[in-house]
Protein backbone atom coordinates (compact mmCIF):
# COMPACT_ATOMS: atom_id res chain seq x y z
CA MET A 1 -53.19 113.52 -132.29
CA THR A 2 -54.07 116.68 -130.35
CA ARG A 3 -50.55 116.76 -128.90
CA GLN A 4 -49.02 116.29 -132.35
CA LEU A 5 -51.17 119.06 -133.81
CA ALA A 6 -50.14 121.39 -130.98
CA ARG A 7 -46.51 120.57 -131.63
CA LEU A 8 -46.98 121.27 -135.34
CA LEU A 9 -48.60 124.64 -134.65
CA HIS A 10 -45.76 125.49 -132.31
CA LEU A 11 -43.24 124.75 -135.06
CA PHE A 12 -45.09 126.98 -137.51
CA ARG A 13 -45.28 129.84 -134.96
CA PHE A 14 -41.56 129.48 -134.28
CA SER A 15 -40.82 129.61 -138.00
CA LEU A 16 -42.93 132.73 -138.50
CA THR A 17 -41.23 134.44 -135.57
CA ALA A 18 -37.85 133.64 -137.08
CA LEU A 19 -38.93 135.10 -140.40
CA ALA A 20 -40.27 138.24 -138.74
CA THR A 21 -37.08 138.92 -136.81
CA SER A 22 -35.06 138.61 -140.01
CA HIS A 23 -36.68 141.87 -141.18
CA LEU A 24 -35.51 144.00 -138.23
CA PRO A 25 -33.56 147.25 -138.95
CA ALA A 26 -30.06 146.78 -140.34
CA ARG A 27 -28.26 147.57 -137.07
CA ARG A 28 -30.17 144.78 -135.31
CA ARG A 29 -30.24 142.37 -138.24
CA ALA A 30 -28.22 139.18 -138.05
CA SER A 31 -25.20 138.61 -140.26
CA PRO A 32 -25.64 137.07 -143.74
CA ARG A 33 -24.57 133.76 -142.24
CA GLY A 34 -27.21 134.15 -139.54
CA ALA A 35 -29.88 135.01 -142.10
CA LEU A 36 -28.98 131.90 -144.08
CA ALA A 37 -29.16 129.82 -140.93
CA VAL A 38 -32.64 131.20 -140.19
CA GLY A 39 -33.77 130.39 -143.73
CA VAL A 40 -32.42 126.84 -143.54
CA LEU A 41 -33.95 126.31 -140.12
CA THR A 42 -37.30 127.64 -141.33
CA PHE A 43 -37.26 125.30 -144.32
CA VAL A 44 -36.37 122.32 -142.12
CA LEU A 45 -39.11 123.13 -139.62
CA LEU A 46 -41.70 123.56 -142.34
CA SER A 47 -40.63 120.25 -143.87
CA VAL A 48 -40.95 118.53 -140.51
CA GLY A 49 -44.33 120.18 -140.06
CA LEU A 50 -45.47 119.01 -143.49
CA GLU A 51 -44.59 115.40 -142.71
CA ALA A 52 -46.14 115.59 -139.25
CA ALA A 53 -49.39 116.89 -140.73
CA ALA A 54 -49.39 114.24 -143.48
CA GLU A 55 -49.01 111.52 -140.86
CA THR A 56 -51.72 112.86 -138.55
CA VAL A 57 -54.31 115.52 -139.31
CA LYS A 58 -53.85 115.74 -143.11
CA PRO A 59 -53.64 112.20 -144.53
CA GLU A 60 -54.81 113.59 -147.88
CA TRP A 61 -51.44 115.36 -148.21
CA ARG A 62 -49.74 111.96 -148.16
CA ASP A 63 -52.30 109.91 -150.09
CA PRO A 64 -55.03 112.10 -151.62
CA GLU A 65 -57.28 109.30 -152.91
CA TYR A 66 -57.36 107.61 -149.52
CA GLY A 67 -57.19 110.72 -147.35
CA HIS A 68 -60.11 112.54 -148.96
CA ARG A 69 -62.24 109.39 -148.83
CA LEU A 70 -61.36 108.80 -145.20
CA ARG A 71 -62.30 112.35 -144.24
CA ARG A 72 -65.61 112.16 -146.10
CA VAL A 73 -66.66 108.72 -144.89
CA LYS A 74 -65.92 109.71 -141.28
CA TYR A 75 -68.02 112.81 -141.86
CA TRP A 76 -70.95 110.65 -142.94
CA GLN A 77 -70.39 108.29 -140.05
CA ALA A 78 -70.64 111.17 -137.60
CA LYS A 79 -73.41 113.09 -139.39
CA ARG A 80 -75.71 110.15 -140.10
CA PRO A 81 -75.29 107.59 -137.31
CA ASP A 82 -78.93 106.64 -137.94
CA ARG A 83 -77.99 105.11 -141.31
CA PRO A 84 -75.96 101.88 -141.62
CA LEU A 85 -72.71 102.57 -143.45
CA VAL A 86 -71.92 100.18 -146.34
CA LEU A 87 -68.41 100.26 -147.83
CA VAL A 88 -67.75 99.14 -151.40
CA VAL A 89 -64.03 98.37 -151.80
CA GLY A 90 -62.07 97.54 -154.94
CA SER A 91 -59.85 98.97 -157.65
CA SER A 92 -60.34 101.74 -160.22
CA ARG A 93 -63.15 99.63 -161.68
CA THR A 94 -64.98 100.28 -158.43
CA GLN A 95 -63.87 103.91 -158.18
CA TYR A 96 -65.26 104.73 -161.63
CA GLY A 97 -68.10 102.21 -161.75
CA VAL A 98 -70.06 102.32 -158.49
CA SER A 99 -72.22 105.40 -157.95
CA PRO A 100 -73.99 105.15 -154.57
CA MET A 101 -76.12 108.22 -155.34
CA ASP A 102 -77.68 106.34 -158.28
CA MET A 103 -78.54 103.18 -156.35
CA GLY A 104 -81.93 104.42 -155.26
CA PHE A 105 -81.52 104.15 -151.49
CA PRO A 106 -83.83 106.68 -149.80
CA GLU A 107 -82.17 109.50 -147.88
CA GLU A 108 -83.84 108.68 -144.59
CA PRO A 109 -83.03 107.13 -141.20
CA GLY A 110 -82.46 103.39 -141.36
CA SER A 111 -81.67 103.39 -145.07
CA PRO A 112 -78.17 102.10 -145.97
CA LEU A 113 -75.62 104.79 -146.75
CA VAL A 114 -73.32 103.30 -149.39
CA TYR A 115 -69.83 104.73 -149.79
CA ASN A 116 -67.38 103.98 -152.63
CA PHE A 117 -63.94 103.23 -151.16
CA GLY A 118 -62.34 102.10 -154.43
CA TYR A 119 -58.72 102.93 -155.17
CA ARG A 120 -56.90 103.28 -158.49
CA GLY A 121 -54.44 100.47 -159.24
CA ALA A 122 -55.49 98.31 -156.29
CA THR A 123 -54.84 94.59 -156.58
CA PRO A 124 -56.56 92.48 -153.89
CA THR A 125 -53.53 93.13 -151.67
CA GLY A 126 -54.02 96.85 -152.21
CA VAL A 127 -57.74 96.54 -151.51
CA TRP A 128 -56.86 94.77 -148.25
CA LEU A 129 -54.59 97.68 -147.30
CA GLN A 130 -57.25 100.31 -148.05
CA PHE A 131 -59.84 98.39 -146.07
CA ALA A 132 -57.53 97.69 -143.12
CA ARG A 133 -56.24 101.25 -142.85
CA ALA A 134 -59.84 102.59 -142.92
CA LEU A 135 -60.89 100.32 -140.07
CA ASP A 136 -57.73 101.15 -138.15
CA ALA A 137 -58.61 104.86 -138.58
CA GLY A 138 -62.00 104.36 -136.93
CA VAL A 139 -64.34 103.67 -139.86
CA ARG A 140 -67.09 101.29 -138.69
CA PRO A 141 -69.13 99.90 -141.60
CA ARG A 142 -72.20 97.79 -140.99
CA ALA A 143 -71.58 95.82 -144.22
CA VAL A 144 -68.85 95.51 -146.87
CA LEU A 145 -69.00 94.67 -150.58
CA VAL A 146 -65.73 93.61 -152.24
CA GLN A 147 -65.54 93.99 -156.03
CA PHE A 148 -62.94 92.08 -158.05
CA SER A 149 -62.12 91.02 -161.61
CA ALA A 150 -60.41 88.27 -163.57
CA THR A 151 -57.17 90.24 -163.96
CA GLU A 152 -57.02 91.13 -160.28
CA ILE A 153 -57.39 87.57 -158.95
CA ARG A 154 -54.23 86.39 -160.69
CA SER A 155 -51.66 88.12 -158.48
CA HIS A 156 -48.76 86.05 -157.15
CA ALA A 157 -46.23 88.82 -156.48
CA ALA A 158 -45.22 90.22 -153.10
CA ALA A 159 -46.60 93.59 -152.02
CA GLU A 160 -43.42 95.52 -152.78
CA VAL A 161 -43.74 94.39 -156.41
CA GLN A 162 -47.52 94.83 -156.75
CA LEU A 163 -47.66 98.19 -155.00
CA ALA A 164 -44.28 99.67 -155.87
CA ARG A 165 -45.85 102.95 -157.07
CA TRP A 166 -47.67 103.36 -153.79
CA ALA A 167 -44.51 103.61 -151.69
CA PRO A 168 -44.46 107.45 -151.38
CA ARG A 169 -48.08 107.38 -150.17
CA LEU A 170 -47.50 104.87 -147.37
CA SER A 171 -47.13 105.61 -143.68
CA PRO A 172 -45.07 103.56 -141.20
CA ALA A 173 -48.34 102.01 -140.00
CA ASP A 174 -49.20 101.04 -143.60
CA ILE A 175 -45.84 99.33 -143.97
CA ASP A 176 -46.47 97.35 -140.78
CA THR A 177 -49.86 96.31 -142.19
CA LEU A 178 -48.24 95.19 -145.44
CA ALA A 179 -45.21 93.51 -143.84
CA PRO A 180 -46.75 89.99 -143.85
CA TRP A 181 -47.42 90.43 -147.59
CA THR A 182 -43.84 91.35 -148.49
CA ASP A 183 -40.67 89.41 -149.20
CA ASP A 184 -38.65 92.41 -148.08
CA ALA A 185 -40.47 95.18 -146.21
CA ALA A 186 -37.26 97.25 -146.25
CA VAL A 187 -38.07 98.18 -149.87
CA PHE A 188 -41.08 100.15 -148.68
CA ARG A 189 -39.23 101.63 -145.71
CA GLN A 190 -36.43 102.89 -147.95
CA ALA A 191 -38.93 104.49 -150.33
CA VAL A 192 -40.75 106.20 -147.45
CA ALA A 193 -37.44 107.44 -146.04
CA ALA A 194 -36.54 108.88 -149.45
CA GLY A 195 -39.88 110.72 -149.53
CA ARG A 196 -39.22 112.16 -146.11
CA ARG A 197 -35.87 113.51 -147.24
CA ASP A 198 -37.65 115.53 -149.92
CA PRO A 199 -41.28 115.84 -148.72
CA TRP A 200 -42.09 118.81 -150.95
CA ALA A 201 -41.44 116.75 -154.08
CA ALA A 202 -43.16 113.65 -152.68
CA ARG A 203 -46.28 115.61 -151.67
CA ARG A 204 -46.26 117.98 -154.66
CA PRO A 205 -49.39 116.64 -156.50
CA ALA A 206 -51.50 116.74 -153.35
CA LEU A 207 -50.27 120.16 -152.25
CA MET A 208 -50.62 121.72 -155.71
CA SER A 209 -54.13 120.29 -155.99
CA ALA A 210 -55.08 121.62 -152.55
CA PHE A 211 -53.52 125.11 -152.67
CA LEU A 212 -52.60 126.00 -156.26
CA PRO A 213 -54.96 124.09 -158.56
CA ASP A 214 -54.62 126.71 -161.32
CA TRP A 215 -50.83 126.43 -161.32
CA GLN A 216 -50.71 122.83 -162.49
CA GLY A 217 -49.93 123.77 -166.05
CA GLY A 218 -50.66 121.26 -168.75
CA GLU A 219 -51.25 118.36 -166.39
CA VAL A 220 -54.53 116.67 -167.21
CA ARG A 221 -56.85 116.51 -164.26
CA GLY A 222 -58.30 113.18 -165.40
CA PRO A 223 -57.98 109.79 -163.74
CA HIS A 224 -54.62 110.50 -162.09
CA ARG A 225 -56.12 113.24 -159.91
CA SER A 226 -59.52 111.66 -159.44
CA TRP A 227 -59.94 113.00 -155.92
CA GLU A 228 -60.55 116.46 -157.40
CA TYR A 229 -63.91 115.46 -158.85
CA MET A 230 -64.94 112.73 -156.41
CA ASP A 231 -68.52 113.17 -155.22
CA SER A 232 -69.71 113.07 -151.62
CA ARG A 233 -70.10 109.26 -151.69
CA GLY A 234 -66.63 108.49 -153.06
CA TYR A 235 -67.63 107.94 -156.69
CA CYS A 236 -65.34 109.38 -159.40
CA PRO A 237 -67.15 109.74 -162.74
CA LEU A 238 -65.08 108.93 -165.80
CA LEU A 239 -66.36 111.66 -168.08
CA SER A 240 -66.48 111.37 -171.86
CA LYS A 241 -64.10 114.33 -172.30
CA GLU A 242 -61.45 112.40 -170.35
CA VAL A 243 -61.61 109.45 -172.76
CA THR A 244 -59.15 111.05 -175.16
CA ASP A 245 -57.48 109.56 -178.23
CA ASP A 246 -54.43 108.79 -176.07
CA PHE A 247 -56.67 107.01 -173.58
CA ARG A 248 -58.22 104.87 -176.33
CA ARG A 249 -54.83 104.13 -177.88
CA ALA A 250 -53.43 102.95 -174.55
CA ALA A 251 -56.51 100.80 -174.01
CA ARG A 252 -56.12 99.12 -177.40
CA GLU A 253 -52.43 98.48 -176.81
CA SER A 254 -53.14 96.86 -173.44
CA MET A 255 -55.73 94.38 -174.73
CA PRO A 256 -53.26 91.60 -175.68
CA LEU A 257 -51.93 91.66 -172.12
CA HIS A 258 -55.46 91.55 -170.72
CA ARG A 259 -56.33 88.63 -172.99
CA ALA A 260 -53.28 86.71 -171.79
CA VAL A 261 -53.91 87.37 -168.09
CA ILE A 262 -57.64 86.62 -167.94
CA ASN A 263 -57.06 83.27 -169.65
CA LEU A 264 -54.32 81.97 -167.39
CA PRO A 265 -55.34 78.52 -166.12
CA GLU A 266 -54.49 79.34 -162.49
CA THR A 267 -55.52 82.19 -160.23
CA GLY A 268 -53.16 83.89 -157.78
CA ALA A 269 -52.56 82.56 -154.30
CA VAL A 270 -51.76 86.07 -153.07
CA SER A 271 -55.06 87.41 -154.41
CA GLU A 272 -57.02 84.68 -152.69
CA ARG A 273 -55.11 85.23 -149.47
CA ALA A 274 -55.99 88.94 -149.57
CA HIS A 275 -59.70 88.26 -150.08
CA ARG A 276 -59.62 85.73 -147.26
CA ALA A 277 -57.97 88.35 -145.03
CA ILE A 278 -60.70 90.89 -145.77
CA VAL A 279 -63.40 88.34 -144.95
CA ALA A 280 -61.58 87.31 -141.76
CA ARG A 281 -61.29 90.92 -140.60
CA CYS A 282 -64.98 91.48 -141.29
CA ARG A 283 -65.94 88.32 -139.41
CA ALA A 284 -63.78 89.31 -136.44
CA SER A 285 -65.60 92.65 -136.30
CA GLY A 286 -69.07 91.20 -136.89
CA ILE A 287 -69.39 92.86 -140.32
CA PRO A 288 -71.36 91.03 -143.05
CA VAL A 289 -69.35 90.81 -146.28
CA ALA A 290 -70.18 89.89 -149.89
CA MET A 291 -68.21 89.74 -153.13
CA CYS A 292 -69.14 90.82 -156.65
CA TRP A 293 -67.57 90.53 -160.10
CA ALA A 294 -66.79 93.83 -161.82
CA PRO A 295 -68.69 94.54 -165.06
CA GLU A 296 -67.04 94.17 -168.47
CA GLY A 297 -68.15 95.08 -171.98
CA PRO A 298 -69.27 92.48 -174.56
CA SER A 299 -66.07 92.81 -176.60
CA TYR A 300 -63.95 92.33 -173.48
CA ARG A 301 -65.96 89.30 -172.37
CA ALA A 302 -65.49 87.77 -175.83
CA MET A 303 -61.73 87.48 -175.13
CA TYR A 304 -62.26 84.76 -172.49
CA THR A 305 -61.41 81.19 -173.38
CA PRO A 306 -63.07 78.20 -171.69
CA THR A 307 -59.89 77.79 -169.63
CA GLY A 308 -60.01 81.37 -168.42
CA ARG A 309 -63.67 81.18 -167.49
CA ALA A 310 -63.16 77.89 -165.68
CA ALA A 311 -60.43 79.45 -163.52
CA CYS A 312 -62.78 82.28 -162.55
CA VAL A 313 -65.58 79.85 -161.73
CA GLY A 314 -63.21 77.84 -159.56
CA TYR A 315 -62.05 80.95 -157.72
CA GLU A 316 -65.62 81.99 -156.98
CA ARG A 317 -66.51 78.48 -155.83
CA ARG A 318 -63.64 78.48 -153.32
CA LEU A 319 -64.72 81.84 -151.92
CA THR A 320 -68.36 80.90 -151.56
CA ALA A 321 -67.84 77.33 -150.36
CA LYS A 322 -64.92 77.81 -147.97
CA LEU A 323 -65.67 81.31 -146.74
CA GLY A 324 -69.46 81.18 -146.92
CA VAL A 325 -69.82 84.58 -148.59
CA PRO A 326 -72.15 85.35 -151.51
CA ALA A 327 -70.59 86.34 -154.84
CA PHE A 328 -72.79 88.45 -157.10
CA PRO A 329 -72.34 88.01 -160.87
CA ALA A 330 -71.43 90.73 -163.35
CA PRO A 331 -74.24 92.09 -165.52
CA ASP A 332 -74.63 91.08 -169.15
CA HIS A 333 -76.89 93.92 -170.31
CA LEU A 334 -74.26 96.67 -170.62
CA THR A 335 -72.92 97.62 -174.06
CA ASP A 336 -69.44 98.50 -175.23
CA ASP A 337 -70.53 102.15 -175.35
CA ASP A 338 -71.03 102.05 -171.58
CA PHE A 339 -67.28 101.49 -171.13
CA ALA A 340 -64.27 103.68 -171.82
CA ASP A 341 -61.97 100.75 -172.53
CA GLY A 342 -63.96 97.56 -172.01
CA TYR A 343 -63.62 97.40 -168.24
CA HIS A 344 -63.79 100.98 -166.85
CA LEU A 345 -67.33 102.33 -166.97
CA ARG A 346 -68.10 105.78 -168.33
CA ASP A 347 -70.33 107.95 -166.15
CA GLU A 348 -73.50 106.96 -168.04
CA GLY A 349 -72.63 103.26 -167.76
CA ALA A 350 -71.88 103.62 -164.05
CA VAL A 351 -75.39 104.97 -163.46
CA LYS A 352 -76.94 101.96 -165.24
CA TYR A 353 -74.69 99.45 -163.50
CA SER A 354 -75.10 100.93 -160.01
CA ARG A 355 -78.88 100.81 -160.18
CA TRP A 356 -78.79 97.23 -161.53
CA LEU A 357 -76.39 96.13 -158.78
CA ALA A 358 -78.52 97.70 -156.07
CA ASP A 359 -81.86 96.41 -157.30
CA ASN A 360 -80.77 92.88 -158.13
CA HIS A 361 -78.21 92.11 -155.44
CA LEU A 362 -77.25 94.76 -152.91
CA LYS A 363 -80.69 95.72 -151.62
CA PRO A 364 -81.91 92.12 -151.12
CA TRP A 365 -78.66 91.17 -149.41
CA LEU A 366 -78.64 94.20 -147.11
CA ALA A 367 -82.29 93.66 -146.21
CA GLU A 368 -81.25 90.22 -144.95
CA VAL A 369 -77.98 90.98 -143.14
CA LEU A 370 -78.99 94.31 -141.59
CA LYS A 371 -82.13 93.05 -139.87
């Protein structure tokens, strides 16, 4: 990485030198064709530099949600080696619902340091990718908690279908990690190649957020740029002001689909395979792992039929019996007002849930496995 960074800096210095020489006095200035060539060369070199940085020292320029979390969790790993790192992985339900700072762990040596590594739109296959790429990047948790839900455990599709929107954020190493989960890995490779042909467009949200946050016009910060208000432990509060009328309308319109999915009689083989892979990777690395059901509001829970509940019970039984991992239940004390849409917690609800999860399940489990 040091060699790549040095090469990148060299490219930038070369580009700046080229720009400087283009402003020499007229009698020493290159021809218009030469000036155009310098401009094109500078743009190409900067584009190459951008992609090199995104693949090495600036992963947040490629995938902001992952890159910012990776940088912060590695910071904690280096700064507090005296505290066992605990990763909580999952989807946006995790990202918006688990607040480590509200779990009541003392800020002292030996006390678990919980970090929220949730990711928006992550199916179990996506959660596997986030977890695997973090470990491959040098993150070394002492324990892992995997959160999942009834909608997420019903995935049958290949990775290129499930994670199609993620393609511009993937690296070649990510594609290799996902290859066994695809029917055609070339779909991802083609999307990544397209992003490299126009890196400024592909990286625009991350770059605008990093360098020109006030130039983003009417774009709503909200859930789609959650990294901008992520706290130091990876938690992204879903604030009341972000639960707009459009948000509520979209939530209402999606409920029939949710009702249909959570009541399917069968769960997804791909989802179960992904959870098994996470457990296997943890076991291979000597990392204790547990599962937990994501919380849902009373009105959402009322949509379940006996068939849908039975499928969830069967899924949990297979995980606990065949893999030997504990599966913590979802709480039943939260109200509909604690949720923005029935399954994403508001910031006040996340505080209540996080403390309940820690006191009733996470602390007793960690006290046992981290002896």
